[in-house]
PDB file of N, CA and C in Angstrom:
ATOM      1  N   UNK A   1     -13.992 202.855-189.641  1.00  0.00           N
ATOM      2  CA  UNK A   1     -14.689 201.920-190.491  1.00  0.00           C
ATOM      3  C   UNK A   1     -15.749 202.681-191.276  1.00  0.00           C
ATOM      4  N   UNK A   2     -15.787 202.457-192.576  1.00  0.00           N
ATOM      5  CA  UNK A   2     -16.764 203.117-193.428  1.00  0.00           C
ATOM      6  C   UNK A   2     -18.142 202.509-193.205  1.00  0.00           C
ATOM      7  N   UNK A   3     -19.158 203.361-193.124  1.00  0.00           N
ATOM      8  CA  UNK A   3     -20.512 202.815-192.981  1.00  0.00           C
ATOM      9  C   UNK A   3     -20.941 202.132-194.281  1.00  0.00           C
ATOM     10  N   UNK A   4     -21.723 201.090-194.140  1.00  0.00           N
ATOM     11  CA  UNK A   4     -22.245 200.382-195.310  1.00  0.00           C
ATOM     12  C   UNK A   4     -23.419 201.177-195.844  1.00  0.00           C
ATOM     13  N   UNK A   5     -23.358 201.475-197.138  1.00  0.00           N
ATOM     14  CA  UNK A   5     -24.454 202.211-197.752  1.00  0.00           C
ATOM     15  C   UNK A   5     -25.591 201.252-198.035  1.00  0.00           C
ATOM     16  N   UNK A   6     -26.793 201.685-197.741  1.00  0.00           N
ATOM     17  CA  UNK A   6     -27.962 200.872-198.030  1.00  0.00           C
ATOM     18  C   UNK A   6     -28.348 201.088-199.484  1.00  0.00           C
ATOM     19  N   UNK A   7     -28.433 200.003-200.254  1.00  0.00           N
ATOM     20  CA  UNK A   7     -28.806 200.167-201.657  1.00  0.00           C
ATOM     21  C   UNK A   7     -30.259 200.599-201.786  1.00  0.00           C
ATOM     22  N   UNK A   8     -30.608 201.197-202.915  1.00  0.00           N
ATOM     23  CA  UNK A   8     -32.000 201.573-203.124  1.00  0.00           C
ATOM     24  C   UNK A   8     -32.900 200.349-202.999  1.00  0.00           C
ATOM     25  N   UNK A   9     -34.154 200.583-202.657  1.00  0.00           N
ATOM     26  CA  UNK A   9     -35.107 199.491-202.404  1.00  0.00           C
ATOM     27  C   UNK A   9     -35.192 198.523-203.588  1.00  0.00           C
ATOM     28  N   UNK A  10     -35.265 199.026-204.809  1.00  0.00           N
ATOM     29  CA  UNK A  10     -35.349 198.154-205.984  1.00  0.00           C
ATOM     30  C   UNK A  10     -34.085 197.310-206.147  1.00  0.00           C
ATOM     31  N   UNK A  11     -32.930 197.895-205.849  1.00  0.00           N
ATOM     32  CA  UNK A  11     -31.670 197.161-205.955  1.00  0.00           C
ATOM     33  C   UNK A  11     -31.639 196.024-204.939  1.00  0.00           C
ATOM     34  N   UNK A  12     -32.159 196.286-203.741  1.00  0.00           N
ATOM     35  CA  UNK A  12     -32.188 195.248-202.714  1.00  0.00           C
ATOM     36  C   UNK A  12     -33.093 194.096-203.151  1.00  0.00           C
ATOM     37  N   UNK A  13     -34.239 194.408-203.753  1.00  0.00           N
ATOM     38  CA  UNK A  13     -35.138 193.361-204.258  1.00  0.00           C
ATOM     39  C   UNK A  13     -34.455 192.561-205.362  1.00  0.00           C
ATOM     40  N   UNK A  14     -33.735 193.270-206.217  1.00  0.00           N
ATOM     41  CA  UNK A  14     -33.019 192.610-207.319  1.00  0.00           C
ATOM     42  C   UNK A  14     -31.991 191.643-206.768  1.00  0.00           C
ATOM     43  N   UNK A  15     -31.201 192.090-205.814  1.00  0.00           N
ATOM     44  CA  UNK A  15     -30.180 191.230-205.212  1.00  0.00           C
ATOM     45  C   UNK A  15     -30.809 190.031-204.522  1.00  0.00           C
ATOM     46  N   UNK A  16     -31.902 190.270-203.816  1.00  0.00           N
ATOM     47  CA  UNK A  16     -32.595 189.183-203.140  1.00  0.00           C
ATOM     48  C   UNK A  16     -33.120 188.173-204.152  1.00  0.00           C
ATOM     49  N   UNK A  17     -33.720 188.652-205.223  1.00  0.00           N
ATOM     50  CA  UNK A  17     -34.269 187.752-206.244  1.00  0.00           C
ATOM     51  C   UNK A  17     -33.166 186.925-206.895  1.00  0.00           C
ATOM     52  N   UNK A  18     -32.065 187.557-207.240  1.00  0.00           N
ATOM     53  CA  UNK A  18     -30.947 186.842-207.859  1.00  0.00           C
ATOM     54  C   UNK A  18     -30.387 185.808-206.891  1.00  0.00           C
ATOM     55  N   UNK A  19     -30.217 186.195-205.640  1.00  0.00           N
ATOM     56  CA  UNK A  19     -29.703 185.261-204.639  1.00  0.00           C
ATOM     57  C   UNK A  19     -30.625 184.063-204.469  1.00  0.00           C
ATOM     58  N   UNK A  20     -31.921 184.311-204.428  1.00  0.00           N
ATOM     59  CA  UNK A  20     -32.880 183.217-204.267  1.00  0.00           C
ATOM     60  C   UNK A  20     -32.881 182.290-205.479  1.00  0.00           C
ATOM     61  N   UNK A  21     -32.746 182.858-206.666  1.00  0.00           N
ATOM     62  CA  UNK A  21     -32.687 182.018-207.863  1.00  0.00           C
ATOM     63  C   UNK A  21     -31.427 181.160-207.882  1.00  0.00           C
ATOM     64  N   UNK A  22     -30.319 181.735-207.488  1.00  0.00           N
ATOM     65  CA  UNK A  22     -29.069 180.967-207.446  1.00  0.00           C
ATOM     66  C   UNK A  22     -29.154 179.883-206.378  1.00  0.00           C
ATOM     67  N   UNK A  23     -29.760 180.191-205.236  1.00  0.00           N
ATOM     68  CA  UNK A  23     -29.952 179.164-204.206  1.00  0.00           C
ATOM     69  C   UNK A  23     -30.838 178.036-204.718  1.00  0.00           C
ATOM     70  N   UNK A  24     -31.872 178.373-205.475  1.00  0.00           N
ATOM     71  CA  UNK A  24     -32.757 177.351-206.038  1.00  0.00           C
ATOM     72  C   UNK A  24     -31.990 176.459-207.012  1.00  0.00           C
ATOM     73  N   UNK A  25     -31.136 177.052-207.809  1.00  0.00           N
ATOM     74  CA  UNK A  25     -30.319 176.273-208.745  1.00  0.00           C
ATOM     75  C   UNK A  25     -29.386 175.349-207.972  1.00  0.00           C
ATOM     76  N   UNK A  26     -28.787 175.852-206.894  1.00  0.00           N
ATOM     77  CA  UNK A  26     -27.899 175.016-206.076  1.00  0.00           C
ATOM     78  C   UNK A  26     -28.667 173.836-205.487  1.00  0.00           C
ATOM     79  N   UNK A  27     -29.884 174.072-205.034  1.00  0.00           N
ATOM     80  CA  UNK A  27     -30.705 172.986-204.500  1.00  0.00           C
ATOM     81  C   UNK A  27     -31.036 171.964-205.589  1.00  0.00           C
ATOM     82  N   UNK A  28     -31.303 172.444-206.794  1.00  0.00           N
ATOM     83  CA  UNK A  28     -31.572 171.523-207.906  1.00  0.00           C
ATOM     84  C   UNK A  28     -30.347 170.664-208.196  1.00  0.00           C
ATOM     85  N   UNK A  29     -29.177 171.275-208.169  1.00  0.00           N
ATOM     86  CA  UNK A  29     -27.956 170.519-208.424  1.00  0.00           C
ATOM     87  C   UNK A  29     -27.700 169.489-207.328  1.00  0.00           C
ATOM     88  N   UNK A  30     -27.992 169.844-206.084  1.00  0.00           N
ATOM     89  CA  UNK A  30     -27.861 168.885-204.990  1.00  0.00           C
ATOM     90  C   UNK A  30     -28.811 167.710-205.189  1.00  0.00           C
ATOM     91  N   UNK A  31     -30.019 167.994-205.634  1.00  0.00           N
ATOM     92  CA  UNK A  31     -30.996 166.932-205.886  1.00  0.00           C
ATOM     93  C   UNK A  31     -30.511 166.002-206.993  1.00  0.00           C
ATOM     94  N   UNK A  32     -29.966 166.571-208.037  1.00  0.00           N
ATOM     95  CA  UNK A  32     -29.431 165.742-209.126  1.00  0.00           C
ATOM     96  C   UNK A  32     -28.267 164.877-208.640  1.00  0.00           C
ATOM     97  N   UNK A  33     -27.452 165.431-207.769  1.00  0.00           N
ATOM     98  CA  UNK A  33     -26.339 164.651-207.212  1.00  0.00           C
ATOM     99  C   UNK A  33     -26.867 163.474-206.397  1.00  0.00           C
ATOM    100  N   UNK A  34     -27.948 163.691-205.653  1.00  0.00           N
ATOM    101  CA  UNK A  34     -28.540 162.589-204.880  1.00  0.00           C
ATOM    102  C   UNK A  34     -29.106 161.515-205.808  1.00  0.00           C
ATOM    103  N   UNK A  35     -29.693 161.925-206.911  1.00  0.00           N
ATOM    104  CA  UNK A  35     -30.211 160.964-207.888  1.00  0.00           C
ATOM    105  C   UNK A  35     -29.068 160.118-208.442  1.00  0.00           C
ATOM    106  N   UNK A  36     -27.969 160.773-208.802  1.00  0.00           N
ATOM    107  CA  UNK A  36     -26.817 160.038-209.328  1.00  0.00           C
ATOM    108  C   UNK A  36     -26.245 159.085-208.279  1.00  0.00           C
ATOM    109  N   UNK A  37     -26.214 159.518-207.036  1.00  0.00           N
ATOM    110  CA  UNK A  37     -25.726 158.653-205.959  1.00  0.00           C
ATOM    111  C   UNK A  37     -26.640 157.433-205.801  1.00  0.00           C
ATOM    112  N   UNK A  38     -27.940 157.625-205.919  1.00  0.00           N
ATOM    113  CA  UNK A  38     -28.886 156.507-205.832  1.00  0.00           C
ATOM    114  C   UNK A  38     -28.668 155.519-206.977  1.00  0.00           C
ATOM    115  N   UNK A  39     -28.396 156.032-208.157  1.00  0.00           N
ATOM    116  CA  UNK A  39     -28.114 155.151-209.298  1.00  0.00           C
ATOM    117  C   UNK A  39     -26.838 154.347-209.052  1.00  0.00           C
ATOM    118  N   UNK A  40     -25.841 154.996-208.490  1.00  0.00           N
ATOM    119  CA  UNK A  40     -24.591 154.315-208.156  1.00  0.00           C
ATOM    120  C   UNK A  40     -24.856 153.167-207.179  1.00  0.00           C
ATOM    121  N   UNK A  41     -25.654 153.452-206.144  1.00  0.00           N
ATOM    122  CA  UNK A  41     -25.973 152.414-205.154  1.00  0.00           C
ATOM    123  C   UNK A  41     -26.769 151.274-205.782  1.00  0.00           C
ATOM    124  N   UNK A  42     -27.646 151.604-206.724  1.00  0.00           N
ATOM    125  CA  UNK A  42     -28.428 150.571-207.399  1.00  0.00           C
ATOM    126  C   UNK A  42     -27.502 149.638-208.181  1.00  0.00           C
ATOM    127  N   UNK A  43     -26.540 150.204-208.883  1.00  0.00           N
ATOM    128  CA  UNK A  43     -25.592 149.387-209.644  1.00  0.00           C
ATOM    129  C   UNK A  43     -24.771 148.511-208.690  1.00  0.00           C
ATOM    130  N   UNK A  44     -24.284 149.114-207.609  1.00  0.00           N
ATOM    131  CA  UNK A  44     -23.491 148.352-206.645  1.00  0.00           C
ATOM    132  C   UNK A  44     -24.289 147.188-206.065  1.00  0.00           C
ATOM    133  N   UNK A  45     -25.519 147.465-205.667  1.00  0.00           N
ATOM    134  CA  UNK A  45     -26.367 146.427-205.072  1.00  0.00           C
ATOM    135  C   UNK A  45     -26.629 145.305-206.068  1.00  0.00           C
ATOM    136  N   UNK A  46     -26.904 145.666-207.305  1.00  0.00           N
ATOM    137  CA  UNK A  46     -27.186 144.655-208.326  1.00  0.00           C
ATOM    138  C   UNK A  46     -25.976 143.767-208.566  1.00  0.00           C
ATOM    139  N   UNK A  47     -24.809 144.349-208.618  1.00  0.00           N
ATOM    140  CA  UNK A  47     -23.606 143.551-208.887  1.00  0.00           C
ATOM    141  C   UNK A  47     -23.203 142.708-207.688  1.00  0.00           C
ATOM    142  N   UNK A  48     -23.678 143.058-206.485  1.00  0.00           N
ATOM    143  CA  UNK A  48     -23.360 142.271-205.293  1.00  0.00           C
ATOM    144  C   UNK A  48     -24.263 141.046-205.144  1.00  0.00           C
ATOM    145  N   UNK A  49     -25.400 141.049-205.822  1.00  0.00           N
ATOM    146  CA  UNK A  49     -26.314 139.919-205.711  1.00  0.00           C
ATOM    147  C   UNK A  49     -25.709 138.696-206.389  1.00  0.00           C
ATOM    148  N   UNK A  50     -25.865 137.553-205.766  1.00  0.00           N
ATOM    149  CA  UNK A  50     -25.260 136.337-206.295  1.00  0.00           C
ATOM    150  C   UNK A  50     -25.982 135.820-207.537  1.00  0.00           C
ATOM    151  N   UNK A  51     -27.284 136.008-207.611  1.00  0.00           N
ATOM    152  CA  UNK A  51     -28.058 135.448-208.715  1.00  0.00           C
ATOM    153  C   UNK A  51     -28.303 136.451-209.841  1.00  0.00           C
ATOM    154  N   UNK A  52     -27.470 137.450-209.962  1.00  0.00           N
ATOM    155  CA  UNK A  52     -27.626 138.447-211.011  1.00  0.00           C
ATOM    156  C   UNK A  52     -27.215 137.830-212.343  1.00  0.00           C
ATOM    157  N   UNK A  53     -28.128 137.906-213.304  1.00  0.00           N
ATOM    158  CA  UNK A  53     -27.780 137.388-214.628  1.00  0.00           C
ATOM    159  C   UNK A  53     -27.613 138.551-215.604  1.00  0.00           C
ATOM    160  N   UNK A  54     -27.248 138.241-216.811  1.00  0.00           N
ATOM    161  CA  UNK A  54     -26.977 139.260-217.824  1.00  0.00           C
ATOM    162  C   UNK A  54     -28.217 140.104-218.099  1.00  0.00           C
ATOM    163  N   UNK A  55     -29.388 139.487-218.125  1.00  0.00           N
ATOM    164  CA  UNK A  55     -30.622 140.238-218.371  1.00  0.00           C
ATOM    165  C   UNK A  55     -30.862 141.296-217.295  1.00  0.00           C
ATOM    166  N   UNK A  56     -30.584 140.941-216.042  1.00  0.00           N
ATOM    167  CA  UNK A  56     -30.728 141.907-214.951  1.00  0.00           C
ATOM    168  C   UNK A  56     -29.761 143.075-215.146  1.00  0.00           C
ATOM    169  N   UNK A  57     -28.548 142.756-215.504  1.00  0.00           N
ATOM    170  CA  UNK A  57     -27.548 143.815-215.710  1.00  0.00           C
ATOM    171  C   UNK A  57     -27.921 144.721-216.880  1.00  0.00           C
ATOM    172  N   UNK A  58     -28.478 144.147-217.928  1.00  0.00           N
ATOM    173  CA  UNK A  58     -28.891 144.952-219.080  1.00  0.00           C
ATOM    174  C   UNK A  58     -30.045 145.881-218.677  1.00  0.00           C
ATOM    175  N   UNK A  59     -30.992 145.363-217.887  1.00  0.00           N
ATOM    176  CA  UNK A  59     -32.107 146.209-217.430  1.00  0.00           C
ATOM    177  C   UNK A  59     -31.605 147.353-216.560  1.00  0.00           C
ATOM    178  N   UNK A  60     -30.693 147.050-215.665  1.00  0.00           N
ATOM    179  CA  UNK A  60     -30.113 148.097-214.820  1.00  0.00           C
ATOM    180  C   UNK A  60     -29.382 149.112-215.678  1.00  0.00           C
ATOM    181  N   UNK A  61     -28.617 148.642-216.645  1.00  0.00           N
ATOM    182  CA  UNK A  61     -27.880 149.539-217.534  1.00  0.00           C
ATOM    183  C   UNK A  61     -28.837 150.452-218.299  1.00  0.00           C
ATOM    184  N   UNK A  62     -29.923 149.892-218.800  1.00  0.00           N
ATOM    185  CA  UNK A  62     -30.913 150.708-219.524  1.00  0.00           C
ATOM    186  C   UNK A  62     -31.530 151.764-218.611  1.00  0.00           C
ATOM    187  N   UNK A  63     -31.843 151.353-217.395  1.00  0.00           N
ATOM    188  CA  UNK A  63     -32.426 152.279-216.424  1.00  0.00           C
ATOM    189  C   UNK A  63     -31.461 153.418-216.100  1.00  0.00           C
ATOM    190  N   UNK A  64     -30.216 153.057-215.832  1.00  0.00           N
ATOM    191  CA  UNK A  64     -29.204 154.068-215.507  1.00  0.00           C
ATOM    192  C   UNK A  64     -28.978 154.996-216.696  1.00  0.00           C
ATOM    193  N   UNK A  65     -28.975 154.448-217.878  1.00  0.00           N
ATOM    194  CA  UNK A  65     -28.784 155.271-219.083  1.00  0.00           C
ATOM    195  C   UNK A  65     -29.906 156.306-219.216  1.00  0.00           C
ATOM    196  N   UNK A  66     -31.144 155.897-218.957  1.00  0.00           N
ATOM    197  CA  UNK A  66     -32.268 156.840-219.027  1.00  0.00           C
ATOM    198  C   UNK A  66     -32.140 157.936-217.964  1.00  0.00           C
ATOM    199  N   UNK A  67     -31.754 157.528-216.762  1.00  0.00           N
ATOM    200  CA  UNK A  67     -31.592 158.509-215.681  1.00  0.00           C
ATOM    201  C   UNK A  67     -30.479 159.489-216.013  1.00  0.00           C
ATOM    202  N   UNK A  68     -29.357 158.981-216.504  1.00  0.00           N
ATOM    203  CA  UNK A  68     -28.244 159.871-216.859  1.00  0.00           C
ATOM    204  C   UNK A  68     -28.633 160.846-217.971  1.00  0.00           C
ATOM    205  N   UNK A  69     -29.409 160.381-218.941  1.00  0.00           N
ATOM    206  CA  UNK A  69     -29.864 161.273-220.014  1.00  0.00           C
ATOM    207  C   UNK A  69     -30.770 162.363-219.440  1.00  0.00           C
ATOM    208  N   UNK A  70     -31.658 161.980-218.525  1.00  0.00           N
ATOM    209  CA  UNK A  70     -32.550 162.966-217.901  1.00  0.00           C
ATOM    210  C   UNK A  70     -31.764 163.969-217.066  1.00  0.00           C
ATOM    211  N   UNK A  71     -30.798 163.477-216.294  1.00  0.00           N
ATOM    212  CA  UNK A  71     -29.971 164.374-215.469  1.00  0.00           C
ATOM    213  C   UNK A  71     -29.183 165.326-216.354  1.00  0.00           C
ATOM    214  N   UNK A  72     -28.663 164.829-217.461  1.00  0.00           N
ATOM    215  CA  UNK A  72     -27.916 165.681-218.392  1.00  0.00           C
ATOM    216  C   UNK A  72     -28.806 166.796-218.933  1.00  0.00           C
ATOM    217  N   UNK A  73     -30.041 166.462-219.305  1.00  0.00           N
ATOM    218  CA  UNK A  73     -30.972 167.496-219.793  1.00  0.00           C
ATOM    219  C   UNK A  73     -31.281 168.512-218.695  1.00  0.00           C
ATOM    220  N   UNK A  74     -31.473 168.033-217.470  1.00  0.00           N
ATOM    221  CA  UNK A  74     -31.758 168.949-216.361  1.00  0.00           C
ATOM    222  C   UNK A  74     -30.560 169.845-216.056  1.00  0.00           C
ATOM    223  N   UNK A  75     -29.355 169.296-216.145  1.00  0.00           N
ATOM    224  CA  UNK A  75     -28.154 170.123-215.941  1.00  0.00           C
ATOM    225  C   UNK A  75     -28.053 171.212-217.010  1.00  0.00           C
ATOM    226  N   UNK A  76     -28.419 170.885-218.233  1.00  0.00           N
ATOM    227  CA  UNK A  76     -28.425 171.892-219.295  1.00  0.00           C
ATOM    228  C   UNK A  76     -29.430 172.995-218.968  1.00  0.00           C
ATOM    229  N   UNK A  77     -30.608 172.609-218.491  1.00  0.00           N
ATOM    230  CA  UNK A  77     -31.611 173.603-218.114  1.00  0.00           C
ATOM    231  C   UNK A  77     -31.092 174.486-216.978  1.00  0.00           C
ATOM    232  N   UNK A  78     -30.408 173.886-216.015  1.00  0.00           N
ATOM    233  CA  UNK A  78     -29.832 174.656-214.912  1.00  0.00           C
ATOM    234  C   UNK A  78     -28.782 175.631-215.442  1.00  0.00           C
ATOM    235  N   UNK A  79     -27.942 175.172-216.351  1.00  0.00           N
ATOM    236  CA  UNK A  79     -26.924 176.048-216.930  1.00  0.00           C
ATOM    237  C   UNK A  79     -27.564 177.223-217.659  1.00  0.00           C
ATOM    238  N   UNK A  80     -28.638 176.962-218.377  1.00  0.00           N
ATOM    239  CA  UNK A  80     -29.337 178.046-219.075  1.00  0.00           C
ATOM    240  C   UNK A  80     -29.909 179.054-218.087  1.00  0.00           C
ATOM    241  N   UNK A  81     -30.399 178.586-216.946  1.00  0.00           N
ATOM    242  CA  UNK A  81     -30.897 179.503-215.918  1.00  0.00           C
ATOM    243  C   UNK A  81     -29.771 180.385-215.405  1.00  0.00           C
ATOM    244  N   UNK A  82     -28.634 179.774-215.129  1.00  0.00           N
ATOM    245  CA  UNK A  82     -27.504 180.558-214.619  1.00  0.00           C
ATOM    246  C   UNK A  82     -27.004 181.548-215.661  1.00  0.00           C
ATOM    247  N   UNK A  83     -27.031 181.166-216.926  1.00  0.00           N
ATOM    248  CA  UNK A  83     -26.582 182.064-217.992  1.00  0.00           C
ATOM    249  C   UNK A  83     -27.440 183.329-218.072  1.00  0.00           C
ATOM    250  N   UNK A  84     -28.700 183.235-217.662  1.00  0.00           N
ATOM    251  CA  UNK A  84     -29.564 184.416-217.661  1.00  0.00           C
ATOM    252  C   UNK A  84     -29.026 185.503-216.747  1.00  0.00           C
ATOM    253  N   UNK A  85     -28.290 185.110-215.709  1.00  0.00           N
ATOM    254  CA  UNK A  85     -27.821 186.061-214.710  1.00  0.00           C
ATOM    255  C   UNK A  85     -26.334 186.338-214.792  1.00  0.00           C
ATOM    256  N   UNK A  86     -25.705 185.831-215.831  1.00  0.00           N
ATOM    257  CA  UNK A  86     -24.260 186.011-215.958  1.00  0.00           C
ATOM    258  C   UNK A  86     -23.849 187.488-215.899  1.00  0.00           C
ATOM    259  N   UNK A  87     -24.600 188.362-216.539  1.00  0.00           N
ATOM    260  CA  UNK A  87     -24.223 189.768-216.594  1.00  0.00           C
ATOM    261  C   UNK A  87     -24.781 190.598-215.442  1.00  0.00           C
ATOM    262  N   UNK A  88     -25.583 190.006-214.572  1.00  0.00           N
ATOM    263  CA  UNK A  88     -26.168 190.826-213.513  1.00  0.00           C
ATOM    264  C   UNK A  88     -25.843 190.310-212.117  1.00  0.00           C
ATOM    265  N   UNK A  89     -24.863 189.424-211.996  1.00  0.00           N
ATOM    266  CA  UNK A  89     -24.518 188.908-210.680  1.00  0.00           C
ATOM    267  C   UNK A  89     -23.749 189.914-209.836  1.00  0.00           C
ATOM    268  N   UNK A  90     -23.018 190.797-210.483  1.00  0.00           N
ATOM    269  CA  UNK A  90     -22.211 191.762-209.739  1.00  0.00           C
ATOM    270  C   UNK A  90     -22.682 193.175-210.052  1.00  0.00           C
ATOM    271  N   UNK A  91     -23.605 193.690-209.259  1.00  0.00           N
ATOM    272  CA  UNK A  91     -24.085 195.050-209.510  1.00  0.00           C
ATOM    273  C   UNK A  91     -22.994 196.070-209.207  1.00  0.00           C
ATOM    274  N   UNK A  92     -23.171 197.272-209.748  1.00  0.00           N
ATOM    275  CA  UNK A  92     -22.211 198.346-209.480  1.00  0.00           C
ATOM    276  C   UNK A  92     -22.201 198.709-208.000  1.00  0.00           C
ATOM    277  N   UNK A  93     -23.371 198.671-207.377  1.00  0.00           N
ATOM    278  CA  UNK A  93     -23.472 198.946-205.950  1.00  0.00           C
ATOM    279  C   UNK A  93     -23.611 197.615-205.219  1.00  0.00           C
ATOM    280  N   UNK A  94     -23.032 197.499-204.047  1.00  0.00           N
ATOM    281  CA  UNK A  94     -23.130 196.235-203.323  1.00  0.00           C
ATOM    282  C   UNK A  94     -24.550 195.970-202.843  1.00  0.00           C
ATOM    283  N   UNK A  95     -24.877 194.690-202.746  1.00  0.00           N
ATOM    284  CA  UNK A  95     -26.163 194.315-202.177  1.00  0.00           C
ATOM    285  C   UNK A  95     -26.118 194.530-200.668  1.00  0.00           C
ATOM    286  N   UNK A  96     -27.260 194.599-200.070  1.00  0.00           N
ATOM    287  CA  UNK A  96     -27.346 194.760-198.626  1.00  0.00           C
ATOM    288  C   UNK A  96     -26.568 193.640-197.944  1.00  0.00           C
ATOM    289  N   UNK A  97     -25.730 193.997-196.996  1.00  0.00           N
ATOM    290  CA  UNK A  97     -24.954 192.994-196.285  1.00  0.00           C
ATOM    291  C   UNK A  97     -23.570 192.788-196.855  1.00  0.00           C
ATOM    292  N   UNK A  98     -23.285 193.361-198.009  1.00  0.00           N
ATOM    293  CA  UNK A  98     -21.965 193.218-198.610  1.00  0.00           C
ATOM    294  C   UNK A  98     -21.192 194.515-198.412  1.00  0.00           C
ATOM    295  N   UNK A  99     -19.923 194.376-198.103  1.00  0.00           N
ATOM    296  CA  UNK A  99     -19.094 195.541-197.832  1.00  0.00           C
ATOM    297  C   UNK A  99     -18.723 196.300-199.105  1.00  0.00           C
ATOM    298  N   UNK A 100     -18.474 195.575-200.167  1.00  0.00           N
ATOM    299  CA  UNK A 100     -18.015 196.218-201.398  1.00  0.00           C
ATOM    300  C   UNK A 100     -18.750 195.647-202.598  1.00  0.00           C
ATOM    301  N   UNK A 101     -18.702 196.386-203.672  1.00  0.00           N
ATOM    302  CA  UNK A 101     -19.278 195.902-204.910  1.00  0.00           C
ATOM    303  C   UNK A 101     -18.354 194.849-205.511  1.00  0.00           C
ATOM    304  N   UNK A 102     -18.909 193.986-206.344  1.00  0.00           N
ATOM    305  CA  UNK A 102     -18.083 192.974-207.021  1.00  0.00           C
ATOM    306  C   UNK A 102     -17.157 193.649-208.024  1.00  0.00           C
ATOM    307  N   UNK A 103     -16.036 193.018-208.247  1.00  0.00           N
ATOM    308  CA  UNK A 103     -15.138 193.500-209.297  1.00  0.00           C
ATOM    309  C   UNK A 103     -15.119 192.475-210.395  1.00  0.00           C
ATOM    310  N   UNK A 104     -15.089 192.943-211.601  1.00  0.00           N
ATOM    311  CA  UNK A 104     -15.100 192.034-212.760  1.00  0.00           C
ATOM    312  C   UNK A 104     -13.710 191.778-213.243  1.00  0.00           C
TER     313      UNK A 104
END
């Protein structure tokens, strides 16, 4: 078995920073998914109520529309963050803990 080479100290920091940023983006996406799920439950609950009138449905629709617009903007911001690292996700040398370097 080939020994794993330890990357230079700066490379290890770089890999750690990139990994942490990607994890943060994943957490943001999970949060947005929970927001969308809450909106779904709000719509379901509103439509299950017996005394729901058209005005209530319009208010819910307006609220959901605002939330969806906000989530869409946040997803765009997340995509822009990921695009910053598109060219540096696979270093020539593997990060600590990885057996091989990424192949493009």
